[in-house]
Every structure is written in C-alpha cells, then in structure tokens.
N, C-alpha and C. Protein backbone atom coordinates (compact mmCIF):
# COMPACT_ATOMS: atom_id res chain seq x y z
N UNK A 1 129.61 47.07 12.44
CA UNK A 1 129.77 45.78 13.06
C UNK A 1 130.08 44.72 11.99
N UNK A 2 129.39 44.80 10.87
CA UNK A 2 129.59 43.82 9.80
C UNK A 2 131.03 43.86 9.28
N UNK A 3 131.58 45.07 9.11
CA UNK A 3 132.96 45.20 8.61
C UNK A 3 133.94 44.56 9.59
N UNK A 4 133.75 44.80 10.89
CA UNK A 4 134.65 44.21 11.88
C UNK A 4 134.54 42.70 11.88
N UNK A 5 133.34 42.19 11.70
CA UNK A 5 133.13 40.75 11.62
C UNK A 5 133.83 40.17 10.39
N UNK A 6 133.72 40.88 9.26
CA UNK A 6 134.41 40.43 8.04
C UNK A 6 135.91 40.34 8.25
N UNK A 7 136.48 41.36 8.91
CA UNK A 7 137.92 41.36 9.16
C UNK A 7 138.28 40.22 10.11
N UNK A 8 137.51 40.06 11.17
CA UNK A 8 137.78 38.99 12.15
C UNK A 8 137.72 37.61 11.49
N UNK A 9 136.73 37.39 10.64
CA UNK A 9 136.59 36.09 9.97
C UNK A 9 137.76 35.82 9.03
N UNK A 10 138.26 36.87 8.40
CA UNK A 10 139.37 36.68 7.47
C UNK A 10 140.68 36.39 8.19
N UNK A 11 140.72 36.61 9.49
CA UNK A 11 141.94 36.38 10.26
C UNK A 11 142.03 34.98 10.84
N UNK A 12 140.99 34.19 10.66
CA UNK A 12 141.01 32.82 11.18
C UNK A 12 142.17 32.08 10.54
N UNK A 13 142.99 31.50 11.36
CA UNK A 13 144.15 30.76 10.86
C UNK A 13 145.39 31.62 10.73
N UNK A 14 145.32 32.90 11.15
CA UNK A 14 146.46 33.80 11.11
C UNK A 14 147.15 33.83 9.73
N UNK A 15 146.43 34.27 8.69
CA UNK A 15 147.00 34.26 7.33
C UNK A 15 148.16 35.24 7.19
N UNK A 16 149.14 34.93 6.34
CA UNK A 16 150.26 35.86 6.13
C UNK A 16 149.86 37.06 5.26
N UNK A 17 148.79 36.92 4.47
CA UNK A 17 148.32 37.99 3.59
C UNK A 17 146.81 38.11 3.76
N UNK A 18 146.32 39.33 3.83
CA UNK A 18 144.88 39.56 3.90
C UNK A 18 144.50 40.63 2.88
N UNK A 19 143.39 40.43 2.19
CA UNK A 19 142.87 41.38 1.21
C UNK A 19 141.65 42.06 1.82
N UNK A 20 141.65 43.38 1.85
CA UNK A 20 140.52 44.16 2.35
C UNK A 20 140.03 45.08 1.24
N UNK A 21 138.81 44.88 0.80
CA UNK A 21 138.23 45.67 -0.27
C UNK A 21 137.34 46.75 0.33
N UNK A 22 137.84 47.97 0.35
CA UNK A 22 137.12 49.13 0.88
C UNK A 22 136.50 48.84 2.25
N UNK A 23 137.33 48.49 3.24
CA UNK A 23 136.80 48.08 4.54
C UNK A 23 136.11 49.17 5.33
N UNK A 24 136.32 50.44 4.99
CA UNK A 24 135.69 51.51 5.77
C UNK A 24 134.54 52.19 5.04
N UNK A 25 134.18 51.67 3.89
CA UNK A 25 133.09 52.26 3.13
C UNK A 25 131.80 52.22 3.95
N UNK A 26 131.18 53.38 4.12
CA UNK A 26 129.91 53.45 4.83
C UNK A 26 130.01 53.47 6.34
N UNK A 27 131.22 53.53 6.89
CA UNK A 27 131.37 53.55 8.34
C UNK A 27 131.35 54.97 8.88
N UNK A 28 130.92 55.11 10.14
CA UNK A 28 131.00 56.41 10.79
C UNK A 28 132.46 56.67 11.17
N UNK A 29 132.82 57.91 11.50
CA UNK A 29 134.23 58.23 11.76
C UNK A 29 134.87 57.40 12.87
N UNK A 30 134.12 57.09 13.93
CA UNK A 30 134.68 56.30 15.03
C UNK A 30 134.98 54.87 14.58
N UNK A 31 134.05 54.25 13.88
CA UNK A 31 134.26 52.89 13.39
C UNK A 31 135.39 52.86 12.36
N UNK A 32 135.49 53.91 11.56
CA UNK A 32 136.56 54.00 10.57
C UNK A 32 137.92 53.98 11.25
N UNK A 33 138.07 54.74 12.34
CA UNK A 33 139.32 54.74 13.08
C UNK A 33 139.62 53.37 13.70
N UNK A 34 138.58 52.67 14.14
CA UNK A 34 138.77 51.32 14.68
C UNK A 34 139.33 50.39 13.61
N UNK A 35 138.81 50.49 12.41
CA UNK A 35 139.32 49.66 11.31
C UNK A 35 140.76 50.05 11.01
N UNK A 36 141.06 51.35 10.97
CA UNK A 36 142.44 51.80 10.73
C UNK A 36 143.38 51.20 11.76
N UNK A 37 142.96 51.22 13.03
CA UNK A 37 143.80 50.66 14.09
C UNK A 37 143.99 49.16 13.90
N UNK A 38 142.95 48.47 13.47
CA UNK A 38 143.05 47.03 13.23
C UNK A 38 144.03 46.73 12.09
N UNK A 39 143.97 47.52 11.04
CA UNK A 39 144.88 47.34 9.91
C UNK A 39 146.32 47.59 10.36
N UNK A 40 146.53 48.66 11.12
CA UNK A 40 147.88 48.96 11.63
C UNK A 40 148.40 47.81 12.51
N UNK A 41 147.53 47.28 13.35
CA UNK A 41 147.91 46.18 14.23
C UNK A 41 148.29 44.94 13.43
N UNK A 42 147.51 44.62 12.41
CA UNK A 42 147.82 43.49 11.54
C UNK A 42 149.18 43.65 10.88
N UNK A 43 149.39 44.82 10.30
CA UNK A 43 150.66 45.09 9.63
C UNK A 43 151.82 45.04 10.62
N UNK A 44 151.58 45.53 11.82
CA UNK A 44 152.61 45.53 12.84
C UNK A 44 153.01 44.13 13.28
N UNK A 45 152.09 43.18 13.14
CA UNK A 45 152.38 41.78 13.49
C UNK A 45 152.97 41.01 12.31
N UNK A 46 153.19 41.70 11.19
CA UNK A 46 153.83 41.07 10.05
C UNK A 46 152.90 40.59 8.97
N UNK A 47 151.60 40.81 9.12
CA UNK A 47 150.65 40.41 8.08
C UNK A 47 150.73 41.41 6.93
N UNK A 48 150.80 40.91 5.70
CA UNK A 48 150.74 41.79 4.53
C UNK A 48 149.27 42.10 4.27
N UNK A 49 148.94 43.39 4.25
CA UNK A 49 147.56 43.82 4.04
C UNK A 49 147.47 44.51 2.69
N UNK A 50 146.67 43.95 1.79
CA UNK A 50 146.39 44.59 0.50
C UNK A 50 145.01 45.24 0.64
N UNK A 51 145.00 46.55 0.51
CA UNK A 51 143.81 47.33 0.81
C UNK A 51 143.39 48.12 -0.42
N UNK A 52 142.13 48.03 -0.80
CA UNK A 52 141.61 48.91 -1.84
C UNK A 52 140.76 49.97 -1.16
N UNK A 53 140.90 51.20 -1.61
CA UNK A 53 140.12 52.29 -1.04
C UNK A 53 139.99 53.42 -2.04
N UNK A 54 138.88 54.14 -1.94
CA UNK A 54 138.71 55.36 -2.72
C UNK A 54 138.99 56.58 -1.86
N UNK A 55 139.24 56.35 -0.56
CA UNK A 55 139.54 57.43 0.37
C UNK A 55 141.05 57.64 0.38
N UNK A 56 141.51 58.71 -0.24
CA UNK A 56 142.94 58.93 -0.36
C UNK A 56 143.62 59.22 0.98
N UNK A 57 142.89 59.83 1.92
CA UNK A 57 143.47 60.04 3.25
C UNK A 57 143.72 58.70 3.94
N UNK A 58 142.90 57.73 3.65
CA UNK A 58 143.08 56.38 4.20
C UNK A 58 144.36 55.75 3.65
N UNK A 59 144.58 55.89 2.36
CA UNK A 59 145.81 55.37 1.76
C UNK A 59 147.03 56.06 2.36
N UNK A 60 146.94 57.38 2.56
CA UNK A 60 148.06 58.11 3.17
C UNK A 60 148.37 57.59 4.56
N UNK A 61 147.35 57.29 5.33
CA UNK A 61 147.52 56.84 6.71
C UNK A 61 148.02 55.41 6.82
N UNK A 62 147.57 54.53 5.95
CA UNK A 62 147.78 53.10 6.16
C UNK A 62 148.79 52.43 5.24
N UNK A 63 149.07 53.01 4.10
CA UNK A 63 149.83 52.28 3.08
C UNK A 63 151.33 52.55 3.16
N UNK A 64 152.09 51.47 3.03
CA UNK A 64 153.54 51.59 2.84
C UNK A 64 153.82 51.89 1.38
N UNK A 65 153.05 51.27 0.51
CA UNK A 65 153.16 51.47 -0.94
C UNK A 65 151.76 51.72 -1.48
N UNK A 66 151.68 52.57 -2.50
CA UNK A 66 150.39 52.96 -3.07
C UNK A 66 150.44 52.76 -4.58
N UNK A 67 149.39 52.16 -5.11
CA UNK A 67 149.22 52.07 -6.56
C UNK A 67 147.96 52.85 -6.90
N UNK A 68 148.06 53.76 -7.84
CA UNK A 68 146.92 54.58 -8.25
C UNK A 68 146.37 54.01 -9.55
N UNK A 69 145.10 53.61 -9.50
CA UNK A 69 144.44 53.06 -10.67
C UNK A 69 143.52 54.10 -11.29
N UNK A 70 143.51 54.16 -12.59
CA UNK A 70 142.62 55.05 -13.33
C UNK A 70 142.16 54.31 -14.57
N UNK A 71 140.86 54.19 -14.71
CA UNK A 71 140.25 53.47 -15.84
C UNK A 71 140.84 52.08 -16.00
N UNK A 72 141.03 51.40 -14.87
CA UNK A 72 141.48 50.01 -14.88
C UNK A 72 142.97 49.80 -15.04
N UNK A 73 143.75 50.87 -15.11
CA UNK A 73 145.19 50.76 -15.31
C UNK A 73 145.93 51.41 -14.13
N UNK A 74 147.03 50.78 -13.70
CA UNK A 74 147.89 51.41 -12.70
C UNK A 74 148.68 52.50 -13.42
N UNK A 75 148.47 53.74 -13.00
CA UNK A 75 149.13 54.86 -13.68
C UNK A 75 150.30 55.41 -12.87
N UNK A 76 150.38 55.05 -11.59
CA UNK A 76 151.51 55.45 -10.74
C UNK A 76 151.54 54.52 -9.55
N UNK A 77 152.75 54.27 -9.04
CA UNK A 77 152.85 53.49 -7.81
C UNK A 77 154.16 53.82 -7.13
N UNK A 78 154.19 53.59 -5.84
CA UNK A 78 155.38 53.85 -5.03
C UNK A 78 154.98 54.19 -3.61
N UNK A 79 155.94 54.64 -2.84
CA UNK A 79 155.64 55.12 -1.50
C UNK A 79 154.99 56.48 -1.61
N UNK A 80 154.40 56.96 -0.53
CA UNK A 80 153.80 58.29 -0.54
C UNK A 80 154.86 59.34 -0.86
N UNK A 81 156.04 59.17 -0.27
CA UNK A 81 157.12 60.13 -0.53
C UNK A 81 157.52 60.12 -2.00
N UNK A 82 157.59 58.94 -2.60
CA UNK A 82 157.94 58.85 -4.02
C UNK A 82 156.87 59.50 -4.89
N UNK A 83 155.61 59.28 -4.57
CA UNK A 83 154.53 59.88 -5.36
C UNK A 83 154.53 61.40 -5.21
N UNK A 84 154.83 61.89 -4.00
CA UNK A 84 154.88 63.34 -3.79
C UNK A 84 156.00 63.98 -4.60
N UNK A 85 157.08 63.24 -4.86
CA UNK A 85 158.19 63.79 -5.64
C UNK A 85 157.84 63.98 -7.11
N UNK A 86 156.74 63.42 -7.56
CA UNK A 86 156.31 63.58 -8.94
C UNK A 86 155.79 64.99 -9.22
N UNK A 87 155.55 65.75 -8.16
CA UNK A 87 154.98 67.08 -8.29
C UNK A 87 155.91 68.13 -7.72
N UNK A 88 155.78 69.37 -8.15
CA UNK A 88 156.62 70.44 -7.59
C UNK A 88 156.38 70.55 -6.08
N UNK A 89 157.38 71.09 -5.37
CA UNK A 89 157.20 71.27 -3.92
C UNK A 89 155.99 72.14 -3.62
N UNK A 90 155.38 71.87 -2.49
CA UNK A 90 154.21 72.65 -2.08
C UNK A 90 154.61 74.08 -1.78
N UNK A 91 153.71 74.99 -2.06
CA UNK A 91 153.92 76.39 -1.71
C UNK A 91 153.38 76.61 -0.31
N UNK A 92 154.09 77.39 0.47
CA UNK A 92 153.67 77.67 1.83
C UNK A 92 152.66 78.80 1.78
N UNK A 93 151.48 78.54 2.36
CA UNK A 93 150.43 79.54 2.43
C UNK A 93 149.83 79.51 3.83
N UNK A 94 149.34 80.63 4.28
CA UNK A 94 148.64 80.67 5.55
C UNK A 94 147.21 80.22 5.31
N UNK A 95 146.82 79.18 6.03
CA UNK A 95 145.46 78.68 5.92
C UNK A 95 144.91 78.52 7.33
N UNK A 96 143.78 79.12 7.58
CA UNK A 96 143.14 78.94 8.88
C UNK A 96 142.41 77.61 8.88
N UNK A 97 142.79 76.73 9.81
CA UNK A 97 142.21 75.40 9.85
C UNK A 97 140.98 75.40 10.73
N UNK A 98 139.89 74.98 10.15
CA UNK A 98 138.65 74.79 10.88
C UNK A 98 138.50 73.30 11.18
N UNK A 99 137.85 72.97 12.27
CA UNK A 99 137.61 71.57 12.59
C UNK A 99 136.73 70.94 11.53
N UNK A 100 137.06 69.70 11.17
CA UNK A 100 136.23 68.98 10.21
C UNK A 100 135.01 68.43 10.94
N UNK A 101 134.01 68.03 10.20
CA UNK A 101 132.82 67.44 10.79
C UNK A 101 133.19 66.14 11.52
N UNK A 102 134.15 65.38 10.98
CA UNK A 102 134.59 64.15 11.64
C UNK A 102 135.21 64.46 12.99
N UNK A 103 136.04 65.50 13.06
CA UNK A 103 136.65 65.90 14.34
C UNK A 103 135.59 66.36 15.33
N UNK A 104 134.60 67.09 14.86
CA UNK A 104 133.51 67.55 15.72
C UNK A 104 132.74 66.35 16.25
N UNK A 105 132.41 65.41 15.38
CA UNK A 105 131.70 64.19 15.78
C UNK A 105 132.46 63.46 16.87
N UNK A 106 133.76 63.25 16.67
CA UNK A 106 134.56 62.51 17.65
C UNK A 106 134.66 63.27 18.97
N UNK A 107 134.73 64.60 18.92
CA UNK A 107 134.78 65.39 20.16
C UNK A 107 133.45 65.30 20.91
N UNK A 108 132.35 65.32 20.18
CA UNK A 108 131.03 65.27 20.81
C UNK A 108 130.80 63.92 21.50
N UNK A 109 131.21 62.84 20.84
CA UNK A 109 130.98 61.52 21.44
C UNK A 109 132.03 61.18 22.48
N UNK A 110 133.05 62.04 22.61
CA UNK A 110 134.05 61.83 23.64
C UNK A 110 135.04 60.74 23.31
N UNK A 111 135.36 60.59 22.04
CA UNK A 111 136.35 59.58 21.66
C UNK A 111 137.67 59.92 22.31
N UNK A 112 138.26 58.92 22.99
CA UNK A 112 139.54 59.14 23.67
C UNK A 112 140.67 58.39 22.99
N UNK A 113 140.51 58.10 21.72
CA UNK A 113 141.57 57.39 20.99
C UNK A 113 142.77 58.30 20.85
N UNK A 114 143.94 57.77 21.07
CA UNK A 114 145.17 58.56 20.99
C UNK A 114 145.45 59.04 19.59
N UNK A 115 145.07 58.26 18.57
CA UNK A 115 145.44 58.62 17.21
C UNK A 115 144.29 59.23 16.43
N UNK A 116 143.15 59.48 17.06
CA UNK A 116 142.02 60.01 16.30
C UNK A 116 142.35 61.38 15.73
N UNK A 117 143.00 62.24 16.50
CA UNK A 117 143.35 63.56 15.97
C UNK A 117 144.41 63.45 14.90
N UNK A 118 145.38 62.54 15.06
CA UNK A 118 146.43 62.38 14.06
C UNK A 118 145.83 61.91 12.74
N UNK A 119 144.92 60.97 12.80
CA UNK A 119 144.31 60.45 11.59
C UNK A 119 143.48 61.49 10.87
N UNK A 120 142.75 62.27 11.63
CA UNK A 120 141.93 63.29 11.02
C UNK A 120 142.78 64.45 10.54
N UNK A 121 143.86 64.78 11.26
CA UNK A 121 144.71 65.89 10.83
C UNK A 121 145.33 65.58 9.49
N UNK A 122 145.70 64.33 9.25
CA UNK A 122 146.31 63.97 7.99
C UNK A 122 145.36 64.17 6.82
N UNK A 123 144.08 64.01 7.11
CA UNK A 123 143.09 64.21 6.06
C UNK A 123 143.07 65.67 5.61
N UNK A 124 143.64 66.56 6.43
CA UNK A 124 143.66 67.98 6.09
C UNK A 124 145.03 68.43 5.63
N UNK A 125 145.92 67.47 5.35
CA UNK A 125 147.17 67.85 4.73
C UNK A 125 148.34 68.01 5.67
N UNK A 126 148.19 67.73 6.98
CA UNK A 126 149.35 67.81 7.86
C UNK A 126 149.99 66.45 7.96
N UNK A 127 151.30 66.42 8.11
CA UNK A 127 152.01 65.15 8.20
C UNK A 127 152.15 64.74 9.65
N UNK A 128 152.13 63.40 9.88
CA UNK A 128 152.34 62.86 11.22
C UNK A 128 153.80 62.67 11.47
C-alpha cells in the first residue's frame, strides 16, 4: 500500500518525468504486478519513467532502455535487444518448465490479471 501511495503522490501535477527507486522491493507478487501495470500505464501516457531495480526480470519487462551499473559505474547500456547482442546466440536446449512459486501464489489467490502469466513467464526466459 505504501508503494502505491508513493507512486500516486509523485503523480500530482502530471509530471513529464517520474523517478522510481526500487518501487517493487518487498512487495508480494500480486502487488508487484500492480506496480508493473502502473508503470506501463504511465509510460503509455507519455510520462518518462526512470526506474532503478535489482530485479532483472523487472527491467526486461518494463524498460525501453537499460543501463547496467556495477561498482558505481555504468558498464553497459542500450535496449534489451542491443544488450543481448553482446553475447553469443542462445543454445536451444530442452528444459522442463515447472511453475514458479510466484505463479503458484497467483493461481491460489485467483489473480485474473491478463498479463500476470506473461510477466512471470518472462522471468523464466520466455519472450513476450
């Protein structure tokens, strides 16, 4: 609730740029998805969102551009596609996918969000 209130307060006056410092830290999976949806909605309305996160799946889901910091220095930046090009192509392997604990939690509570499975699937390496 506190994180949502922080985001709502920062939107007073409809700012063109908003800074979010680890907005999903400590949230349960359902609340985390709510914040993701809020960030997407803001960006969709033209607000520039600068987001810091240690959750790399979150950066994959939400960022148009990503800067990777290590020991206080930006060591790489670009789009996700550009960053992926820095490495050799992935090898195709058969992997049996098990449900994550986050997916189990959302299924148990009956979350009916349209993008909850897409967001969680990306955390396991599948592209949307």
